[in-house]
Amino acid sequence: ASGVPPKDVAKNLGVSIPTLYRWVPASTHA
């Protein structure tokens, strides 16, 4: 998902933006 806007990622996954930002920081700081 690198280089892809978070909104596009959320749209592609079918999840909400808040849900997206809930696990994105966790995966990036893992």
N, C-alpha and C. Protein backbone atom coordinates (compact mmCIF):
# COMPACT_ATOMS: atom_id res chain seq x y z
N ALA A 1 0.84 -1.21 0.00
CA ALA A 1 0.00 0.00 0.00
C ALA A 1 0.86 1.24 0.00
N SER A 2 2.16 1.06 -0.22
CA SER A 2 3.06 2.21 -0.21
C SER A 2 2.81 3.11 -1.41
N GLY A 3 2.72 4.42 -1.16
CA GLY A 3 2.50 5.36 -2.24
C GLY A 3 1.03 5.52 -2.58
N VAL A 4 0.17 4.81 -1.86
CA VAL A 4 -1.27 4.91 -2.10
C VAL A 4 -1.92 5.74 -1.00
N PRO A 5 -2.69 6.77 -1.39
CA PRO A 5 -3.38 7.62 -0.41
C PRO A 5 -4.25 6.79 0.51
N PRO A 6 -4.23 7.09 1.81
CA PRO A 6 -5.01 6.34 2.81
C PRO A 6 -6.48 6.23 2.44
N LYS A 7 -7.02 7.29 1.83
CA LYS A 7 -8.44 7.27 1.46
C LYS A 7 -8.69 6.21 0.40
N ASP A 8 -7.75 6.06 -0.54
CA ASP A 8 -7.90 5.04 -1.58
C ASP A 8 -7.77 3.65 -0.98
N VAL A 9 -6.86 3.52 -0.04
CA VAL A 9 -6.67 2.23 0.63
C VAL A 9 -7.94 1.84 1.37
N ALA A 10 -8.51 2.80 2.10
CA ALA A 10 -9.72 2.55 2.86
C ALA A 10 -10.87 2.18 1.94
N LYS A 11 -10.93 2.86 0.78
CA LYS A 11 -12.00 2.59 -0.18
C LYS A 11 -11.83 1.19 -0.77
N ASN A 12 -10.59 0.83 -1.06
CA ASN A 12 -10.32 -0.48 -1.65
C ASN A 12 -10.61 -1.61 -0.66
N LEU A 13 -10.29 -1.36 0.61
CA LEU A 13 -10.50 -2.39 1.62
C LEU A 13 -11.94 -2.40 2.11
N GLY A 14 -12.65 -1.31 1.87
CA GLY A 14 -14.04 -1.23 2.30
C GLY A 14 -14.15 -0.94 3.79
N VAL A 15 -13.12 -0.28 4.34
CA VAL A 15 -13.16 0.07 5.75
C VAL A 15 -13.25 1.58 5.91
N SER A 16 -13.60 2.01 7.11
CA SER A 16 -13.71 3.43 7.37
C SER A 16 -12.34 4.03 7.66
N ILE A 17 -12.21 5.33 7.48
CA ILE A 17 -10.93 6.00 7.72
C ILE A 17 -10.45 5.81 9.17
N PRO A 18 -11.33 6.02 10.16
CA PRO A 18 -10.90 5.81 11.56
C PRO A 18 -10.38 4.40 11.80
N THR A 19 -11.04 3.41 11.18
CA THR A 19 -10.60 2.03 11.34
C THR A 19 -9.24 1.84 10.69
N LEU A 20 -9.06 2.49 9.54
CA LEU A 20 -7.79 2.38 8.82
C LEU A 20 -6.65 2.92 9.67
N TYR A 21 -6.85 4.12 10.22
CA TYR A 21 -5.80 4.75 11.02
C TYR A 21 -5.61 4.05 12.35
N ARG A 22 -6.53 3.13 12.68
CA ARG A 22 -6.39 2.41 13.95
C ARG A 22 -5.32 1.34 13.83
N TRP A 23 -5.19 0.72 12.62
CA TRP A 23 -4.21 -0.35 12.47
C TRP A 23 -2.99 0.05 11.65
N VAL A 24 -3.09 1.15 10.90
CA VAL A 24 -1.94 1.59 10.11
C VAL A 24 -0.76 1.98 10.99
N PRO A 25 -0.97 2.84 12.01
CA PRO A 25 0.15 3.20 12.90
C PRO A 25 0.74 1.97 13.58
N ALA A 26 -0.09 1.02 13.92
CA ALA A 26 0.36 -0.19 14.60
C ALA A 26 1.28 -1.00 13.70
N SER A 27 0.94 -1.04 12.40
CA SER A 27 1.73 -1.83 11.47
C SER A 27 3.00 -1.10 11.05
N THR A 28 2.94 0.23 11.03
CA THR A 28 4.10 1.01 10.59
C THR A 28 5.12 1.13 11.71
N HIS A 29 4.66 1.08 12.96
CA HIS A 29 5.56 1.23 14.09
C HIS A 29 5.92 -0.12 14.70
N ALA A 30 5.45 -1.19 14.06
CA ALA A 30 5.71 -2.53 14.60
C ALA A 30 7.21 -2.83 14.57
